[in-house]
Amino acid sequence: MRYFIALSYNGKNYHGWQIQPDVISVQEKLNDAVSTVFQQKIAVVGAGRTDTGVHAKQFFAHFDIDKKLEGDNVHKLNSVLPKDIVVSKVFLVDDETHARFDAKSRSYEYTIWLGRNPFLLDFSWQIHSQQLDVPLMNEAAKILLEYTDFESFSKVKTDVHTFNCTITEAKWQQNGQELTFYISANRFLRNMVRAIVGTLVDVGLGKITVTDFRAIIESKNRSNAGLSVPAKGLFLTAVVY
């Protein structure tokens, strides 16, 4: 039988979702919890990969087990998981349903705080004394919807076979000192959102023009794009099946 787990996590203490040698990952902690609770060796499959320090407000994983689960499995898992990983639901799905390959879209948010806020240090990129032209950043963000090849915003050393993604939403919203970037797509490349945000901030600071932003996309060259902004401001917010 195949079960899905809905969870969220604070990524501060983890080297991303995926298991890696000699570092702590969210997947490793979830594997340990599921194996402990259900008393057999179980490996979970995640909806995707989040980088070191990135957070997830909504994430899904699946696992297979040869028995029907009974009782309050949410409580059982949370009782053995670290406090910064929280399971909200465990539910039965069809045997062929896949947490990663059946996901139709994913959404991210990136939070910038204009100034200093000690309570948001772990959850935002704080820019001090900078005036950003948000309408201009939104003008540039709209251009993303016109393209599908985003090699300019991808890590250089990556194992993907294509840099094509279909972006369906890309916009900034400001609420006082909080500035949030919303982006949705069918898939994302490694480091893609953080590189896009860094380049759009360059537009907002007047370092590059909207025309330059378009040229960066068309160049398909990561070195032409802006910096990769800090991971702590990035949240995976939704996975749609």
C-alpha atoms as a PDB file:
ATOM      1  CA  MET A   1       0.000   0.000   0.000  1.00  0.00           C
ATOM      2  CA  ARG A   2       1.190   3.520  -0.761  1.00  0.00           C
ATOM      3  CA  TYR A   3       0.729   6.379   1.681  1.00  0.00           C
ATOM      4  CA  PHE A   4       1.315  10.099   1.311  1.00  0.00           C
ATOM      5  CA  ILE A   5       2.653  12.264   4.137  1.00  0.00           C
ATOM      6  CA  ALA A   6       1.867  15.984   4.211  1.00  0.00           C
ATOM      7  CA  LEU A   7       4.454  17.912   6.207  1.00  0.00           C
ATOM      8  CA  SER A   8       6.143  21.258   6.748  1.00  0.00           C
ATOM      9  CA  TYR A   9       9.596  22.118   8.006  1.00  0.00           C
ATOM     10  CA  ASN A  10      11.937  24.865   9.102  1.00  0.00           C
ATOM     11  CA  GLY A  11      15.008  24.280   6.946  1.00  0.00           C
ATOM     12  CA  LYS A  12      17.501  26.203   9.093  1.00  0.00           C
ATOM     13  CA  ASN A  13      19.156  23.123  10.585  1.00  0.00           C
ATOM     14  CA  TYR A  14      19.109  20.947   7.458  1.00  0.00           C
ATOM     15  CA  HIS A  15      21.158  20.549   4.304  1.00  0.00           C
ATOM     16  CA  GLY A  16      17.994  20.496   2.218  1.00  0.00           C
ATOM     17  CA  TRP A  17      15.469  17.741   1.698  1.00  0.00           C
ATOM     18  CA  GLN A  18      17.580  15.062   0.019  1.00  0.00           C
ATOM     19  CA  ILE A  19      19.790  12.596   1.864  1.00  0.00           C
ATOM     20  CA  GLN A  20      23.498  13.355   1.461  1.00  0.00           C
ATOM     21  CA  PRO A  21      26.574  11.805   3.059  1.00  0.00           C
ATOM     22  CA  ASP A  22      27.839  13.289   6.329  1.00  0.00           C
ATOM     23  CA  VAL A  23      25.145  15.984   6.659  1.00  0.00           C
ATOM     24  CA  ILE A  24      21.654  16.125   8.166  1.00  0.00           C
ATOM     25  CA  SER A  25      18.681  16.255   5.794  1.00  0.00           C
ATOM     26  CA  VAL A  26      14.911  16.369   6.215  1.00  0.00           C
ATOM     27  CA  GLN A  27      14.534  13.127   4.249  1.00  0.00           C
ATOM     28  CA  GLU A  28      16.880  11.311   6.622  1.00  0.00           C
ATOM     29  CA  LYS A  29      14.899  12.445   9.665  1.00  0.00           C
ATOM     30  CA  LEU A  30      11.582  11.453   8.064  1.00  0.00           C
ATOM     31  CA  ASN A  31      12.969   8.053   7.021  1.00  0.00           C
ATOM     32  CA  ASP A  32      14.066   7.437  10.603  1.00  0.00           C
ATOM     33  CA  ALA A  33      10.683   8.473  12.009  1.00  0.00           C
ATOM     34  CA  VAL A  34       8.613   6.389   9.588  1.00  0.00           C
ATOM     35  CA  SER A  35      10.841   3.350  10.095  1.00  0.00           C
ATOM     36  CA  THR A  36      10.623   3.698  13.868  1.00  0.00           C
ATOM     37  CA  VAL A  37       6.851   4.191  14.038  1.00  0.00           C
ATOM     38  CA  PHE A  38       5.966   1.408  11.596  1.00  0.00           C
ATOM     39  CA  GLN A  39       8.739  -0.928  12.788  1.00  0.00           C
ATOM     40  CA  GLN A  40      10.321  -1.711   9.438  1.00  0.00           C
ATOM     41  CA  LYS A  41      12.928  -0.153   7.179  1.00  0.00           C
ATOM     42  CA  ILE A  42      11.141   2.419   5.016  1.00  0.00           C
ATOM     43  CA  ALA A  43      12.488   4.998   2.555  1.00  0.00           C
ATOM     44  CA  VAL A  44      10.278   7.973   1.694  1.00  0.00           C
ATOM     45  CA  VAL A  45      10.180   9.696  -1.702  1.00  0.00           C
ATOM     46  CA  GLY A  46       9.777  13.473  -1.683  1.00  0.00           C
ATOM     47  CA  ALA A  47       7.901  15.887  -3.936  1.00  0.00           C
ATOM     48  CA  GLY A  48      11.176  17.531  -4.919  1.00  0.00           C
ATOM     49  CA  ARG A  49      14.434  18.849  -3.554  1.00  0.00           C
ATOM     50  CA  THR A  50      14.829  21.968  -1.444  1.00  0.00           C
ATOM     51  CA  ASP A  51      18.313  23.410  -0.970  1.00  0.00           C
ATOM     52  CA  THR A  52      20.194  23.846   2.290  1.00  0.00           C
ATOM     53  CA  GLY A  53      18.354  26.252   4.576  1.00  0.00           C
ATOM     54  CA  VAL A  54      15.185  26.490   2.477  1.00  0.00           C
ATOM     55  CA  HIS A  55      11.862  26.086   4.307  1.00  0.00           C
ATOM     56  CA  ALA A  56       8.655  24.290   3.296  1.00  0.00           C
ATOM     57  CA  LYS A  57       5.174  25.351   4.369  1.00  0.00           C
ATOM     58  CA  GLN A  58       3.755  22.442   2.378  1.00  0.00           C
ATOM     59  CA  PHE A  59       5.631  19.342   1.267  1.00  0.00           C
ATOM     60  CA  PHE A  60       4.586  15.809   0.353  1.00  0.00           C
ATOM     61  CA  ALA A  61       6.353  12.478   0.474  1.00  0.00           C
ATOM     62  CA  HIS A  62       5.206   8.927  -0.180  1.00  0.00           C
ATOM     63  CA  PHE A  63       6.196   5.509   1.108  1.00  0.00           C
ATOM     64  CA  ASP A  64       5.127   1.892   0.554  1.00  0.00           C
ATOM     65  CA  ILE A  65       4.192  -0.540   3.283  1.00  0.00           C
ATOM     66  CA  ASP A  66       2.688  -4.040   3.272  1.00  0.00           C
ATOM     67  CA  LYS A  67      -0.061  -3.381   5.810  1.00  0.00           C
ATOM     68  CA  LYS A  68      -2.960  -1.026   6.419  1.00  0.00           C
ATOM     69  CA  LEU A  69      -2.080   1.696   8.903  1.00  0.00           C
ATOM     70  CA  GLU A  70      -4.219   2.135  11.985  1.00  0.00           C
ATOM     71  CA  GLY A  71      -4.419   4.735  14.738  1.00  0.00           C
ATOM     72  CA  ASP A  72      -3.244   8.343  14.934  1.00  0.00           C
ATOM     73  CA  ASN A  73      -0.190   8.165  12.723  1.00  0.00           C
ATOM     74  CA  VAL A  74       0.214  11.940  12.616  1.00  0.00           C
ATOM     75  CA  HIS A  75       0.698  12.046  16.389  1.00  0.00           C
ATOM     76  CA  LYS A  76       2.989   8.996  16.320  1.00  0.00           C
ATOM     77  CA  LEU A  77       5.285  10.538  13.703  1.00  0.00           C
ATOM     78  CA  ASN A  78       5.391  13.971  15.320  1.00  0.00           C
ATOM     79  CA  SER A  79       6.287  12.398  18.659  1.00  0.00           C
ATOM     80  CA  VAL A  80       9.572  11.066  17.209  1.00  0.00           C
ATOM     81  CA  LEU A  81      10.371  13.792  14.684  1.00  0.00           C
ATOM     82  CA  PRO A  82      12.444  16.876  15.562  1.00  0.00           C
ATOM     83  CA  LYS A  83      10.304  19.883  16.502  1.00  0.00           C
ATOM     84  CA  ASP A  84      11.213  21.713  13.291  1.00  0.00           C
ATOM     85  CA  ILE A  85       9.588  19.022  11.097  1.00  0.00           C
ATOM     86  CA  VAL A  86       5.818  18.637  11.487  1.00  0.00           C
ATOM     87  CA  VAL A  87       3.511  16.091   9.842  1.00  0.00           C
ATOM     88  CA  SER A  88      -0.071  17.279   9.269  1.00  0.00           C
ATOM     89  CA  LYS A  89      -1.604  14.288   7.474  1.00  0.00           C
ATOM     90  CA  VAL A  90      -0.982  10.646   6.487  1.00  0.00           C
ATOM     91  CA  PHE A  91      -3.319   9.251   3.857  1.00  0.00           C
ATOM     92  CA  LEU A  92      -3.726   6.280   1.531  1.00  0.00           C
ATOM     93  CA  VAL A  93      -3.314   6.832  -2.245  1.00  0.00           C
ATOM     94  CA  ASP A  94      -3.334   4.658  -5.362  1.00  0.00           C
ATOM     95  CA  ASP A  95      -0.323   2.394  -5.687  1.00  0.00           C
ATOM     96  CA  GLU A  96       0.923   4.306  -8.745  1.00  0.00           C
ATOM     97  CA  THR A  97       0.601   7.822  -7.316  1.00  0.00           C
ATOM     98  CA  HIS A  98       4.063   9.409  -7.070  1.00  0.00           C
ATOM     99  CA  ALA A  99       4.939  12.338  -4.799  1.00  0.00           C
ATOM    100  CA  ARG A 100       7.441  13.786  -7.264  1.00  0.00           C
ATOM    101  CA  PHE A 101       6.421  12.768 -10.761  1.00  0.00           C
ATOM    102  CA  ASP A 102       2.672  13.351 -10.337  1.00  0.00           C
ATOM    103  CA  ALA A 103       3.069  16.912  -9.046  1.00  0.00           C
ATOM    104  CA  LYS A 104       1.558  19.322 -11.602  1.00  0.00           C
ATOM    105  CA  SER A 105       2.891  22.552 -10.124  1.00  0.00           C
ATOM    106  CA  ARG A 106       4.880  23.981  -7.258  1.00  0.00           C
ATOM    107  CA  SER A 107       4.781  27.429  -5.679  1.00  0.00           C
ATOM    108  CA  TYR A 108       7.453  29.345  -3.792  1.00  0.00           C
ATOM    109  CA  GLU A 109       7.560  32.593  -1.847  1.00  0.00           C
ATOM    110  CA  TYR A 110      10.648  34.663  -1.151  1.00  0.00           C
ATOM    111  CA  THR A 111      10.544  37.239   1.657  1.00  0.00           C
ATOM    112  CA  ILE A 112      12.636  40.391   1.850  1.00  0.00           C
ATOM    113  CA  TRP A 113      12.491  42.685   4.870  1.00  0.00           C
ATOM    114  CA  LEU A 114      13.341  46.299   4.124  1.00  0.00           C
ATOM    115  CA  GLY A 115      15.283  47.229   7.252  1.00  0.00           C
ATOM    116  CA  ARG A 116      16.056  45.286  10.401  1.00  0.00           C
ATOM    117  CA  ASN A 117      13.796  42.869  12.267  1.00  0.00           C
ATOM    118  CA  PRO A 118      15.350  40.534  14.864  1.00  0.00           C
ATOM    119  CA  PHE A 119      12.319  38.234  14.791  1.00  0.00           C
ATOM    120  CA  LEU A 120      12.622  37.516  11.064  1.00  0.00           C
ATOM    121  CA  LEU A 121      16.358  36.867  10.884  1.00  0.00           C
ATOM    122  CA  ASP A 122      15.836  33.181  10.067  1.00  0.00           C
ATOM    123  CA  PHE A 123      12.975  33.719   7.620  1.00  0.00           C
ATOM    124  CA  SER A 124      13.862  36.706   5.430  1.00  0.00           C
ATOM    125  CA  TRP A 125      16.654  38.456   3.598  1.00  0.00           C
ATOM    126  CA  GLN A 126      17.065  41.813   5.300  1.00  0.00           C
ATOM    127  CA  ILE A 127      18.147  44.685   3.074  1.00  0.00           C
ATOM    128  CA  HIS A 128      19.242  47.750   4.987  1.00  0.00           C
ATOM    129  CA  SER A 129      18.595  51.301   3.750  1.00  0.00           C
ATOM    130  CA  GLN A 130      17.802  50.221   0.200  1.00  0.00           C
ATOM    131  CA  GLN A 131      15.040  51.708  -1.920  1.00  0.00           C
ATOM    132  CA  LEU A 132      13.679  49.152  -4.367  1.00  0.00           C
ATOM    133  CA  ASP A 133      11.545  50.100  -7.386  1.00  0.00           C
ATOM    134  CA  VAL A 134       8.868  47.441  -6.897  1.00  0.00           C
ATOM    135  CA  PRO A 135       6.725  48.385  -9.940  1.00  0.00           C
ATOM    136  CA  LEU A 136       9.819  48.032 -12.131  1.00  0.00           C
ATOM    137  CA  MET A 137      10.606  44.649 -10.531  1.00  0.00           C
ATOM    138  CA  ASN A 138       7.068  43.526 -11.351  1.00  0.00           C
ATOM    139  CA  GLU A 139       7.468  44.708 -14.928  1.00  0.00           C
ATOM    140  CA  ALA A 140      10.565  42.533 -15.248  1.00  0.00           C
ATOM    141  CA  ALA A 141       8.927  39.589 -13.445  1.00  0.00           C
ATOM    142  CA  LYS A 142       6.133  39.484 -16.057  1.00  0.00           C
ATOM    143  CA  ILE A 143       8.758  38.769 -18.716  1.00  0.00           C
ATOM    144  CA  LEU A 144       9.420  35.376 -17.101  1.00  0.00           C
ATOM    145  CA  LEU A 145       6.018  34.159 -18.312  1.00  0.00           C
ATOM    146  CA  GLU A 146       7.102  34.694 -21.930  1.00  0.00           C
ATOM    147  CA  TYR A 147       9.962  32.175 -21.745  1.00  0.00           C
ATOM    148  CA  THR A 148      10.481  28.489 -20.975  1.00  0.00           C
ATOM    149  CA  ASP A 149      14.298  28.102 -20.976  1.00  0.00           C
ATOM    150  CA  PHE A 150      15.776  29.311 -17.702  1.00  0.00           C
ATOM    151  CA  GLU A 151      19.353  28.095 -17.926  1.00  0.00           C
ATOM    152  CA  SER A 152      20.467  31.600 -16.895  1.00  0.00           C
ATOM    153  CA  PHE A 153      19.014  30.992 -13.426  1.00  0.00           C
ATOM    154  CA  SER A 154      20.179  27.395 -12.916  1.00  0.00           C
ATOM    155  CA  LYS A 155      23.165  26.025 -11.049  1.00  0.00           C
ATOM    156  CA  VAL A 156      25.934  25.406 -13.558  1.00  0.00           C
ATOM    157  CA  LYS A 157      26.754  21.884 -12.390  1.00  0.00           C
ATOM    158  CA  THR A 158      23.433  20.065 -12.462  1.00  0.00           C
ATOM    159  CA  ASP A 159      22.206  16.709 -13.750  1.00  0.00           C
ATOM    160  CA  VAL A 160      19.012  17.939 -15.455  1.00  0.00           C
ATOM    161  CA  HIS A 161      18.375  17.082 -19.111  1.00  0.00           C
ATOM    162  CA  THR A 162      16.395  20.241 -19.857  1.00  0.00           C
ATOM    163  CA  PHE A 163      16.233  23.777 -18.504  1.00  0.00           C
ATOM    164  CA  ASN A 164      12.632  24.214 -19.635  1.00  0.00           C
ATOM    165  CA  CYS A 165      10.000  25.258 -17.098  1.00  0.00           C
ATOM    166  CA  THR A 166       6.529  26.736 -17.529  1.00  0.00           C
ATOM    167  CA  ILE A 167       6.094  29.651 -15.129  1.00  0.00           C
ATOM    168  CA  THR A 168       2.445  30.550 -14.482  1.00  0.00           C
ATOM    169  CA  GLU A 169       2.885  33.256 -11.834  1.00  0.00           C
ATOM    170  CA  ALA A 170       5.693  35.684 -10.967  1.00  0.00           C
ATOM    171  CA  LYS A 171       4.933  38.824  -8.979  1.00  0.00           C
ATOM    172  CA  TRP A 172       5.997  41.003  -6.069  1.00  0.00           C
ATOM    173  CA  GLN A 173       3.718  42.286  -3.309  1.00  0.00           C
ATOM    174  CA  GLN A 174       4.719  44.817  -0.683  1.00  0.00           C
ATOM    175  CA  ASN A 175       3.134  45.170   2.748  1.00  0.00           C
ATOM    176  CA  GLY A 176       4.969  47.889   4.642  1.00  0.00           C
ATOM    177  CA  GLN A 177       8.562  46.756   5.112  1.00  0.00           C
ATOM    178  CA  GLU A 178       7.804  43.213   3.948  1.00  0.00           C
ATOM    179  CA  LEU A 179       8.337  42.485   0.271  1.00  0.00           C
ATOM    180  CA  THR A 180       7.312  39.022  -1.011  1.00  0.00           C
ATOM    181  CA  PHE A 181       7.962  37.410  -4.372  1.00  0.00           C
ATOM    182  CA  TYR A 182       5.431  34.774  -5.495  1.00  0.00           C
ATOM    183  CA  ILE A 183       6.289  32.304  -8.236  1.00  0.00           C
ATOM    184  CA  SER A 184       4.587  29.137  -9.518  1.00  0.00           C
ATOM    185  CA  ALA A 185       5.700  26.706 -12.220  1.00  0.00           C
ATOM    186  CA  ASN A 186       5.374  23.108 -13.319  1.00  0.00           C
ATOM    187  CA  ARG A 187       8.985  22.508 -12.215  1.00  0.00           C
ATOM    188  CA  PHE A 188      11.989  24.422 -10.920  1.00  0.00           C
ATOM    189  CA  LEU A 189      15.717  24.145 -11.553  1.00  0.00           C
ATOM    190  CA  ARG A 190      18.269  24.032  -8.749  1.00  0.00           C
ATOM    191  CA  ASN A 191      18.809  27.511  -7.297  1.00  0.00           C
ATOM    192  CA  MET A 192      16.360  28.963  -9.845  1.00  0.00           C
ATOM    193  CA  VAL A 193      14.122  31.019  -7.557  1.00  0.00           C
ATOM    194  CA  ARG A 194      17.002  32.503  -5.582  1.00  0.00           C
ATOM    195  CA  ALA A 195      18.816  33.508  -8.787  1.00  0.00           C
ATOM    196  CA  ILE A 196      15.663  35.065 -10.244  1.00  0.00           C
ATOM    197  CA  VAL A 197      15.085  37.053  -7.038  1.00  0.00           C
ATOM    198  CA  GLY A 198      18.681  38.277  -7.000  1.00  0.00           C
ATOM    199  CA  THR A 199      18.417  39.448 -10.600  1.00  0.00           C
ATOM    200  CA  LEU A 200      15.050  41.142 -10.047  1.00  0.00           C
ATOM    201  CA  VAL A 201      16.507  42.981  -7.039  1.00  0.00           C
ATOM    202  CA  ASP A 202      19.229  44.289  -9.373  1.00  0.00           C
ATOM    203  CA  VAL A 203      16.405  45.708 -11.509  1.00  0.00           C
ATOM    204  CA  GLY A 204      14.840  47.299  -8.424  1.00  0.00           C
ATOM    205  CA  LEU A 205      18.160  48.869  -7.438  1.00  0.00           C
ATOM    206  CA  GLY A 206      18.714  50.282 -10.921  1.00  0.00           C
ATOM    207  CA  LYS A 207      21.794  48.137 -11.548  1.00  0.00           C
ATOM    208  CA  ILE A 208      20.192  46.648 -14.667  1.00  0.00           C
ATOM    209  CA  THR A 209      17.208  47.606 -16.819  1.00  0.00           C
ATOM    210  CA  VAL A 210      14.103  45.607 -17.699  1.00  0.00           C
ATOM    211  CA  THR A 211      15.617  45.202 -21.173  1.00  0.00           C
ATOM    212  CA  ASP A 212      18.798  43.846 -19.573  1.00  0.00           C
ATOM    213  CA  PHE A 213      16.677  41.337 -17.640  1.00  0.00           C
ATOM    214  CA  ARG A 214      15.190  40.009 -20.859  1.00  0.00           C
ATOM    215  CA  ALA A 215      18.662  39.774 -22.396  1.00  0.00           C
ATOM    216  CA  ILE A 216      19.891  37.796 -19.375  1.00  0.00           C
ATOM    217  CA  ILE A 217      17.146  35.204 -19.881  1.00  0.00           C
ATOM    218  CA  GLU A 218      17.953  34.939 -23.587  1.00  0.00           C
ATOM    219  CA  SER A 219      21.701  34.609 -22.953  1.00  0.00           C
ATOM    220  CA  LYS A 220      21.214  31.239 -21.191  1.00  0.00           C
ATOM    221  CA  ASN A 221      24.325  32.082 -19.171  1.00  0.00           C
ATOM    222  CA  ARG A 222      24.231  31.940 -15.354  1.00  0.00           C
ATOM    223  CA  SER A 223      27.177  34.344 -15.043  1.00  0.00           C
ATOM    224  CA  ASN A 224      25.060  37.132 -16.546  1.00  0.00           C
ATOM    225  CA  ALA A 225      22.346  36.856 -13.880  1.00  0.00           C
ATOM    226  CA  GLY A 226      22.399  38.298 -10.370  1.00  0.00           C
ATOM    227  CA  LEU A 227      23.485  36.794  -7.080  1.00  0.00           C
ATOM    228  CA  SER A 228      21.817  33.824  -5.458  1.00  0.00           C
ATOM    229  CA  VAL A 229      19.997  35.383  -2.522  1.00  0.00           C
ATOM    230  CA  PRO A 230      20.142  33.758   0.954  1.00  0.00           C
ATOM    231  CA  ALA A 231      18.181  30.510   1.335  1.00  0.00           C
ATOM    232  CA  LYS A 232      16.529  31.546   4.612  1.00  0.00           C
ATOM    233  CA  GLY A 233      14.027  33.799   2.821  1.00  0.00           C
ATOM    234  CA  LEU A 234      12.715  31.029   0.555  1.00  0.00           C
ATOM    235  CA  PHE A 235       9.636  28.903   1.279  1.00  0.00           C
ATOM    236  CA  LEU A 236       8.058  26.115  -0.747  1.00  0.00           C
ATOM    237  CA  THR A 237       4.397  26.949  -0.161  1.00  0.00           C
ATOM    238  CA  ALA A 238       2.334  24.575  -2.303  1.00  0.00           C
ATOM    239  CA  VAL A 239       2.568  21.376  -4.326  1.00  0.00           C
ATOM    240  CA  VAL A 240      -0.445  20.666  -6.550  1.00  0.00           C
ATOM    241  CA  TYR A 241      -1.416  17.210  -7.857  1.00  0.00           C
END
